[in-house]
Protein backbone atom coordinates (compact mmCIF):
# COMPACT_ATOMS: atom_id res chain seq x y z
CA MET A 1 28.49 70.41 -26.96
CA LYS A 2 25.04 72.29 -26.03
CA GLU A 3 23.38 73.51 -28.68
CA ARG A 4 23.17 77.70 -28.76
CA LYS A 5 20.07 79.58 -27.90
CA LYS A 6 18.63 81.59 -31.00
CA ILE A 7 18.33 85.24 -30.14
CA ARG A 8 17.63 86.51 -33.38
CA LEU A 9 14.35 88.10 -33.66
CA ASN A 10 12.22 86.03 -36.59
CA GLY A 11 11.48 88.08 -39.79
CA TYR A 12 13.61 90.99 -38.53
CA ASN A 13 15.68 92.59 -41.46
CA TYR A 14 19.17 93.21 -39.71
CA ASN A 15 20.13 95.34 -42.56
CA LYS A 16 17.92 97.90 -41.45
CA LEU A 17 19.59 100.92 -39.99
CA GLY A 18 19.52 101.65 -36.34
CA TYR A 19 21.35 100.84 -33.16
CA TYR A 20 22.13 97.47 -32.35
CA PHE A 21 23.04 96.05 -28.74
CA VAL A 22 25.40 93.33 -28.77
CA THR A 23 27.04 91.01 -26.07
CA ILE A 24 29.70 88.49 -27.08
CA CYS A 25 30.71 86.21 -24.14
CA THR A 26 33.90 83.96 -23.80
CA GLN A 27 33.44 80.03 -24.38
CA ASP A 28 32.49 78.83 -20.85
CA LYS A 29 32.48 82.15 -19.32
CA ALA A 30 36.61 81.89 -19.33
CA THR A 31 38.08 85.39 -18.25
CA SER A 32 40.09 85.57 -21.29
CA PHE A 33 39.81 89.29 -21.60
CA GLY A 34 41.40 90.29 -18.14
CA LYS A 35 40.50 90.83 -14.65
CA ILE A 36 39.01 93.57 -12.40
CA LYS A 37 41.29 95.05 -9.66
CA ASN A 38 40.45 97.73 -7.33
CA ASN A 39 37.09 98.67 -9.78
CA GLU A 40 39.25 98.56 -13.09
CA MET A 41 39.31 96.60 -15.92
CA ILE A 42 42.99 95.21 -16.28
CA PHE A 43 43.15 93.85 -19.82
CA SER A 44 44.96 90.63 -20.54
CA LYS A 45 46.86 90.15 -24.22
CA VAL A 46 43.70 88.85 -25.37
CA GLY A 47 41.67 91.90 -23.53
CA ASN A 48 43.84 94.33 -25.67
CA ILE A 49 43.40 92.73 -28.76
CA ALA A 50 39.84 92.53 -28.66
CA ASN A 51 39.65 96.01 -27.44
CA GLU A 52 41.83 97.27 -30.44
CA LEU A 53 39.95 95.13 -32.64
CA TRP A 54 36.54 96.20 -31.70
CA LYS A 55 38.01 100.05 -32.58
CA THR A 56 38.37 98.89 -35.77
CA ILE A 57 35.04 97.65 -37.05
CA PRO A 58 34.29 101.15 -38.67
CA ASP A 59 37.48 100.59 -40.72
CA HIS A 60 36.13 97.73 -42.40
CA PHE A 61 32.27 98.54 -42.62
CA MET A 62 31.65 101.83 -44.01
CA ASN A 63 28.09 102.08 -42.55
CA ALA A 64 29.23 101.24 -39.22
CA LYS A 65 29.64 103.16 -36.12
CA LEU A 66 30.79 102.62 -32.78
CA ASP A 67 28.82 103.95 -29.45
CA LYS A 68 29.55 102.88 -26.00
CA TYR A 69 31.16 99.65 -25.44
CA ILE A 70 32.75 98.24 -22.30
CA ILE A 71 35.06 95.02 -22.04
CA MET A 72 34.46 92.90 -19.02
CA PRO A 73 36.63 89.68 -17.98
CA ASN A 74 34.33 87.50 -20.11
CA HIS A 75 32.37 89.50 -22.40
CA ILE A 76 31.87 92.56 -24.16
CA HIS A 77 28.89 94.88 -24.08
CA GLY A 78 28.59 97.51 -27.09
CA ILE A 79 26.35 99.48 -29.61
CA ILE A 80 27.18 99.55 -32.98
CA ILE A 81 24.99 101.93 -35.34
CA ILE A 82 24.33 101.03 -38.81
CA ASN A 83 23.75 104.13 -40.50
CA ASN A 84 23.72 105.52 -44.17
CA ASP A 85 26.09 108.45 -43.88
CA SER A 86 28.76 107.74 -45.88
CA VAL A 87 27.16 105.98 -49.18
CA GLY A 88 23.52 106.50 -49.53
CA ASP A 89 20.47 104.76 -48.71
CA ALA A 90 20.99 102.11 -51.62
CA ASP A 91 24.31 100.56 -50.69
CA LEU A 92 24.48 99.31 -47.16
CA ARG A 93 27.64 96.93 -47.91
CA PRO A 94 31.10 96.46 -45.99
CA TYR A 95 34.14 97.17 -47.67
CA GLY A 96 36.19 94.92 -49.74
CA LYS A 97 36.72 91.49 -49.33
CA TYR A 98 33.68 91.44 -46.47
CA CYS A 99 31.11 92.40 -49.11
CA THR A 100 28.80 89.54 -49.45
CA ASN A 101 24.93 89.47 -49.56
CA LYS A 102 24.49 88.41 -45.99
CA PRO A 103 22.69 91.11 -43.38
CA LEU A 104 25.31 93.75 -42.17
CA TYR A 105 24.79 93.78 -38.45
CA PRO A 106 25.36 90.04 -38.03
CA GLU A 107 28.50 89.81 -40.50
CA ILE A 108 30.10 92.54 -38.22
CA ILE A 109 29.86 90.50 -35.37
CA GLN A 110 30.77 87.40 -37.25
CA ARG A 111 34.22 89.20 -38.49
CA TYR A 112 34.84 90.45 -35.28
CA ILE A 113 34.73 87.05 -33.20
């Protein structure tokens, strides 16, 4: 298996507040999420699940909000906002069982996929 390219910025603190642009691709570029017909995305069963789960990210992470996103046949683009609206500056941890010492942004993506 080909080793994945490291795309994180060395030394960057991914616990920082801000807007994070995310791209998640399917394995081997498989069109798992659906197809485009007449310029409209038609979700497959997996695509519907991916869409519904994306919308629940803020339910699991108190400091995450979602901005625009789009699901394409073989990838997802989205903007996740890490903010401190709900708990204050000191606590940027997720809810309940997802509470760890990992940086918040990568943990959100790990839990999603």
